[in-house]
Amino acid sequence: MWVERDRAVLAGLLGRDPLLHVYELGDLDDFFWPYTTWIRRGDQVVLLYGATSPPTLLAFGRPERVAALGALLAEVAPSLPERVYAHLSPGLVDALAGRYRVDGAVAHRRLALTDVGRLARTPVAGAVLTGADLPDLLELYAEAYPDNWFDPRMLETGQYVGARVAGELVAVAGVHVWSPVYRVAAVGNVATRPGFRGRGLASAVVAGLCVRLRGGADHVALNVRADNVSALRLYERLGFTPVAGYGEFTLTAWGSAAAGGVVAAGADLA
C-alpha cells in the first residue's frame, strides 16, 4: 500500500469502470488534482479529497472487488483524518468501524446519461453563469438548497447553467467535477427556488447543462439520494439510468474530541 501520484496509472485503473469512478477520474484533472491524496495497492484505489471540510473519502468497487478494497481501507484507516465524510460502495463501511464511529448513513444512487434521445426531446433553458452571478447563486442556494455542498471555484469551469425570471435567478444546474482531459462530468448542485417549482425549470437547466457537457465528456453521471423519488423520475426522463448504489457516511474517529474522548495519536497521510 502506498500513496500514488502517477496520474497515468490511476487513469488506467479507474478507466476500467469509468461510470463507477467518474468522480475520481474527474479529480485527476489539474483543477482538482492538488486537493487529492490517492492510496493504491495493486488495482485497488482509494481517494481522499481535501478541498471539503471535513475531507471526503471515496472508495467504490463492484461486489466481486469489495473484499480486497475493504482490506485496503482497514489498513489505511489509522492514517486517515479523525473526521471524514465518506462515499462507499455497499459493504465497505464495516472495514472502517474499528477506527470510526459511523453516523448519518444515507443511501444514494449513481446514475449515468445513457439515453441521449430522451435528452434531445427535453426543452432546454438557462445561460452560463460566471463569477458575477455568484451573489445571486449563493442567495438561491440559501433559500432552495441550504444543505448542499458548493465550491465557488466551480463557476470557473463554465459549467453552471442558470435560468432567470424577471431578472431573478430561479433555477440552476452545475457540476461537482468536470474534466475535458479525462472526458468525464458529474452533474450536481441542481436547485429551483420554491416558488418556481413544478414548471419544468429543473429539467430544462439540467438538459441545457448536459447538452454542453456532452461536447467535452464521454461520460456524464450524477449522484442522487435513493429516497428522492421526484429527482429520480426527473433524471430518468432526461435519459439517466442507474449505475450503482453506494452510501454516504460521516465518520468520526473513536477516542477523538469530536467523538467525546481523548484524541488518539496517528500519522496523517501526506
Protein backbone atom coordinates (compact mmCIF):
# COMPACT_ATOMS: atom_id res chain seq x y z
CA MET A 1 0.00 0.00 0.00
CA TRP A 2 1.35 3.44 -0.88
CA VAL A 3 0.39 6.95 -1.94
CA GLU A 4 0.12 7.00 -5.73
CA ARG A 5 0.96 10.17 -7.69
CA ASP A 6 1.15 8.80 -11.23
CA ARG A 7 -1.96 10.05 -12.97
CA ALA A 8 -1.48 7.72 -15.93
CA VAL A 9 -1.53 4.70 -13.60
CA LEU A 10 -4.63 5.97 -11.81
CA ALA A 11 -6.43 6.83 -15.06
CA GLY A 12 -5.75 3.35 -16.38
CA LEU A 13 -7.16 1.66 -13.30
CA LEU A 14 -10.18 3.92 -12.85
CA GLY A 15 -10.91 3.96 -16.57
CA ARG A 16 -11.75 0.26 -16.48
CA ASP A 17 -15.13 1.24 -14.99
CA PRO A 18 -15.49 4.95 -15.82
CA LEU A 19 -19.08 5.44 -14.69
CA LEU A 20 -18.46 3.90 -11.28
CA HIS A 21 -15.34 6.06 -10.93
CA VAL A 22 -16.49 9.22 -12.69
CA TYR A 23 -15.74 11.43 -9.66
CA GLU A 24 -12.26 10.03 -9.21
CA LEU A 25 -11.46 10.38 -12.90
CA GLY A 26 -12.61 13.99 -12.78
CA ASP A 27 -10.41 14.63 -9.77
CA LEU A 28 -7.36 13.68 -11.84
CA ASP A 29 -7.83 16.97 -13.69
CA ASP A 30 -5.44 19.83 -12.89
CA PHE A 31 -8.37 21.78 -11.42
CA PHE A 32 -8.86 19.21 -8.63
CA TRP A 33 -5.55 17.31 -8.50
CA PRO A 34 -3.82 19.50 -5.85
CA TYR A 35 -6.52 18.56 -3.33
CA THR A 36 -6.23 14.79 -3.82
CA THR A 37 -4.42 12.01 -1.99
CA TRP A 38 -4.53 8.62 -3.72
CA ILE A 39 -3.93 5.34 -1.91
CA ARG A 40 -3.32 2.28 -4.08
CA ARG A 41 -2.48 -1.35 -3.57
CA GLY A 42 -2.40 -3.35 -6.78
CA ASP A 43 -5.51 -2.37 -8.71
CA GLN A 44 -7.43 -1.13 -5.62
CA VAL A 45 -7.69 2.67 -5.37
CA VAL A 46 -8.99 4.92 -2.58
CA LEU A 47 -9.23 8.72 -2.86
CA LEU A 48 -9.10 11.29 -0.06
CA TYR A 49 -10.30 14.66 -1.40
CA GLY A 50 -9.15 17.54 0.77
CA ALA A 51 -10.98 20.56 -0.65
CA THR A 52 -14.03 19.81 1.50
CA SER A 53 -14.40 20.17 5.27
CA PRO A 54 -14.20 17.50 6.51
CA PRO A 55 -12.23 15.77 3.73
CA THR A 56 -14.16 13.31 1.58
CA LEU A 57 -13.15 9.67 1.29
CA LEU A 58 -14.19 7.85 -1.89
CA ALA A 59 -13.95 4.08 -2.29
CA PHE A 60 -16.01 2.36 -4.97
CA GLY A 61 -15.89 -1.23 -6.14
CA ARG A 62 -18.11 -3.80 -7.76
CA PRO A 63 -19.31 -6.60 -5.45
CA GLU A 64 -16.57 -9.01 -6.50
CA ARG A 65 -13.91 -6.44 -5.56
CA VAL A 66 -15.31 -5.22 -2.24
CA ALA A 67 -13.33 -7.66 -0.06
CA ALA A 68 -9.96 -6.52 -1.44
CA LEU A 69 -10.95 -2.86 -1.30
CA GLY A 70 -12.20 -3.27 2.27
CA ALA A 71 -8.85 -4.77 3.27
CA LEU A 72 -7.09 -1.71 1.89
CA LEU A 73 -9.44 0.64 3.77
CA ALA A 74 -8.87 -1.22 7.05
CA GLU A 75 -5.11 -0.98 6.54
CA VAL A 76 -5.09 2.74 5.78
CA ALA A 77 -7.76 3.75 8.34
CA PRO A 78 -5.34 4.58 11.20
CA SER A 79 -3.62 7.18 8.98
CA LEU A 80 -6.81 8.91 7.83
CA PRO A 81 -8.05 12.19 9.37
CA GLU A 82 -10.05 11.97 12.58
CA ARG A 83 -13.20 13.11 10.81
CA VAL A 84 -14.14 12.36 7.20
CA TYR A 85 -17.21 12.30 5.01
CA ALA A 86 -17.23 9.01 3.12
CA HIS A 87 -18.78 7.78 -0.13
CA LEU A 88 -18.52 3.99 -0.03
CA SER A 89 -19.80 1.04 -2.04
CA PRO A 90 -22.05 -1.38 -0.13
CA GLY A 91 -20.14 -3.47 2.41
CA LEU A 92 -17.14 -1.16 2.77
CA VAL A 93 -18.13 0.87 5.82
CA ASP A 94 -17.62 -2.18 8.04
CA ALA A 95 -13.91 -2.06 7.22
CA LEU A 96 -13.71 1.33 8.94
CA ALA A 97 -15.83 0.58 12.01
CA GLY A 98 -12.83 -0.25 14.16
CA ARG A 99 -11.36 3.23 13.62
CA TYR A 100 -14.54 5.33 13.29
CA ARG A 101 -17.96 5.93 14.73
CA VAL A 102 -20.35 5.84 11.78
CA ASP A 103 -23.15 8.43 11.62
CA GLY A 104 -25.63 9.77 9.09
CA ALA A 105 -25.79 6.79 6.75
CA VAL A 106 -27.73 7.77 3.62
CA ALA A 107 -28.29 5.52 0.61
CA HIS A 108 -27.52 7.06 -2.79
CA ARG A 109 -27.63 6.00 -6.41
CA ARG A 110 -25.18 6.78 -9.18
CA LEU A 111 -26.94 7.48 -12.48
CA ALA A 112 -25.42 7.93 -15.92
CA LEU A 113 -26.66 9.67 -19.04
CA THR A 114 -27.22 6.78 -21.43
CA ASP A 115 -30.34 7.66 -23.46
CA VAL A 116 -29.47 10.82 -25.36
CA GLY A 117 -32.71 10.51 -27.32
CA ARG A 118 -34.67 11.44 -24.21
CA LEU A 119 -32.32 14.34 -23.58
CA ALA A 120 -32.86 15.60 -27.13
CA ARG A 121 -36.63 15.69 -26.57
CA THR A 122 -36.35 17.85 -23.45
CA PRO A 123 -36.69 21.64 -23.78
CA VAL A 124 -33.57 23.47 -22.61
CA ALA A 125 -33.22 26.75 -20.74
CA GLY A 126 -30.68 28.88 -19.00
CA ALA A 127 -27.45 30.76 -19.60
CA VAL A 128 -23.91 30.06 -18.44
CA LEU A 129 -23.17 31.57 -15.03
CA THR A 130 -19.94 33.39 -14.21
CA GLY A 131 -18.30 34.84 -11.13
CA ALA A 132 -20.53 37.90 -11.49
CA ASP A 133 -23.52 35.65 -10.76
CA LEU A 134 -22.05 34.29 -7.50
CA PRO A 135 -24.08 36.51 -5.10
CA ASP A 136 -27.34 35.55 -6.81
CA LEU A 137 -26.32 31.89 -6.84
CA LEU A 138 -25.47 31.85 -3.14
CA GLU A 139 -28.78 33.52 -2.34
CA LEU A 140 -30.64 30.91 -4.41
CA TYR A 141 -28.89 28.04 -2.63
CA ALA A 142 -29.57 29.60 0.77
CA GLU A 143 -33.29 29.53 0.02
CA ALA A 144 -33.67 26.44 -2.14
CA TYR A 145 -30.83 24.10 -1.15
CA PRO A 146 -29.27 25.22 2.15
CA ASP A 147 -27.54 21.92 2.94
CA ASN A 148 -25.78 21.49 -0.41
CA TRP A 149 -22.04 21.45 -0.89
CA PHE A 150 -20.94 24.16 -3.32
CA ASP A 151 -17.40 25.31 -4.05
CA PRO A 152 -17.49 28.79 -5.66
CA ARG A 153 -14.38 27.79 -7.63
CA MET A 154 -16.62 25.58 -9.73
CA LEU A 155 -18.02 28.61 -11.54
CA GLU A 156 -14.60 28.87 -13.17
CA THR A 157 -15.35 25.67 -15.09
CA GLY A 158 -18.02 27.47 -17.12
CA GLN A 159 -20.33 24.54 -16.47
CA TYR A 160 -23.05 26.16 -14.38
CA VAL A 161 -26.32 26.99 -16.14
CA GLY A 162 -28.99 29.18 -14.58
CA ALA A 163 -32.47 30.35 -15.57
CA ARG A 164 -33.83 33.77 -14.64
CA VAL A 165 -37.39 35.06 -14.47
CA ALA A 166 -37.74 38.85 -14.48
CA GLY A 167 -34.03 39.05 -13.69
CA GLU A 168 -34.23 36.77 -10.66
CA LEU A 169 -32.14 33.58 -10.68
CA VAL A 170 -34.69 30.84 -10.07
CA ALA A 171 -33.09 27.57 -11.21
CA VAL A 172 -29.56 26.26 -11.62
CA ALA A 173 -27.66 23.12 -12.58
CA GLY A 174 -23.91 22.72 -12.21
CA VAL A 175 -21.11 20.21 -11.83
CA HIS A 176 -19.22 18.63 -8.96
CA VAL A 177 -16.44 17.52 -11.28
CA TRP A 178 -15.68 18.22 -14.92
CA SER A 179 -12.63 17.24 -16.90
CA PRO A 180 -12.20 17.82 -20.63
CA VAL A 181 -8.89 15.92 -20.36
CA TYR A 182 -10.40 12.72 -18.93
CA ARG A 183 -13.73 13.47 -20.63
CA VAL A 184 -15.99 12.97 -17.61
CA ALA A 185 -18.50 15.14 -15.79
CA ALA A 186 -20.66 14.79 -12.70
CA VAL A 187 -23.80 16.94 -12.54
CA GLY A 188 -24.58 18.50 -9.15
CA ASN A 189 -25.94 21.45 -7.19
CA VAL A 190 -29.27 21.37 -9.01
CA ALA A 191 -31.84 23.62 -7.35
CA THR A 192 -35.06 25.52 -8.09
CA ARG A 193 -36.43 28.34 -5.99
CA PRO A 194 -39.50 27.04 -4.09
CA GLY A 195 -41.97 29.44 -5.68
CA PHE A 196 -40.96 28.32 -9.17
CA ARG A 197 -41.08 24.55 -8.77
CA GLY A 198 -43.37 22.43 -10.91
CA ARG A 199 -42.73 24.45 -14.07
CA GLY A 200 -40.10 22.20 -15.65
CA LEU A 201 -37.26 24.59 -14.89
CA ALA A 202 -35.06 21.99 -13.21
CA SER A 203 -35.26 19.60 -16.15
CA ALA A 204 -34.68 22.48 -18.58
CA VAL A 205 -31.48 23.72 -16.91
CA VAL A 206 -30.16 20.18 -16.39
CA ALA A 207 -30.88 19.43 -20.04
CA GLY A 208 -29.14 22.63 -21.12
CA LEU A 209 -26.13 21.75 -18.99
CA CYS A 210 -25.97 18.16 -20.27
CA VAL A 211 -26.03 19.32 -23.88
CA ARG A 212 -22.99 21.48 -23.06
CA LEU A 213 -21.23 18.70 -21.18
CA ARG A 214 -21.62 16.12 -23.94
CA GLY A 215 -19.43 18.28 -26.16
CA GLY A 216 -16.44 17.57 -23.93
CA ALA A 217 -17.32 14.44 -21.96
CA ASP A 218 -17.83 10.83 -22.94
CA HIS A 219 -19.36 10.02 -19.56
CA VAL A 220 -21.88 12.22 -17.72
CA ALA A 221 -23.15 10.99 -14.36
CA LEU A 222 -24.68 12.23 -11.11
CA ASN A 223 -25.49 11.13 -7.58
CA VAL A 224 -28.95 11.28 -6.04
CA ARG A 225 -30.45 10.13 -2.75
CA ALA A 226 -32.18 6.79 -3.16
CA ASP A 227 -35.30 8.15 -1.43
CA ASN A 228 -35.57 11.27 -3.62
CA VAL A 229 -38.28 9.88 -5.87
CA SER A 230 -39.04 13.15 -7.68
CA ALA A 231 -35.38 13.67 -8.62
CA LEU A 232 -35.01 10.07 -9.78
CA ARG A 233 -38.03 10.49 -12.05
CA LEU A 234 -36.71 13.79 -13.39
CA TYR A 235 -33.35 12.29 -14.30
CA GLU A 236 -34.97 9.22 -15.82
CA ARG A 237 -37.00 11.49 -18.11
CA LEU A 238 -33.73 13.13 -19.18
CA GLY A 239 -32.13 9.80 -20.12
CA PHE A 240 -30.23 8.85 -16.95
CA THR A 241 -30.15 5.21 -15.85
CA PRO A 242 -28.79 3.50 -12.69
CA VAL A 243 -25.11 2.52 -12.50
CA ALA A 244 -24.60 1.54 -8.85
CA GLY A 245 -25.70 2.15 -5.30
CA TYR A 246 -23.50 3.47 -2.52
CA GLY A 247 -23.72 5.02 0.95
CA GLU A 248 -22.68 8.40 2.31
CA PHE A 249 -21.47 8.46 5.92
CA THR A 250 -19.97 10.81 8.47
CA LEU A 251 -17.02 9.09 10.17
CA THR A 252 -15.56 10.28 13.49
CA ALA A 253 -12.52 8.57 14.99
CA TRP A 254 -13.14 6.70 18.23
CA GLY A 255 -11.39 8.49 21.09
CA SER A 256 -11.22 11.82 19.27
CA ALA A 257 -12.51 15.04 20.79
CA ALA A 258 -15.40 15.06 18.31
CA ALA A 259 -16.38 11.58 19.47
CA GLY A 260 -16.28 12.67 23.10
CA GLY A 261 -12.96 11.10 24.03
CA VAL A 262 -9.26 11.77 24.17
CA VAL A 263 -7.67 12.44 20.79
CA ALA A 264 -5.69 9.40 19.71
CA ALA A 265 -2.29 9.82 18.12
CA GLY A 266 -1.91 8.92 14.46
CA ALA A 267 0.14 9.71 11.38
CA ASP A 268 -1.86 11.50 8.70
CA LEU A 269 -1.30 10.68 5.07
CA ALA A 270 0.90 13.10 3.18
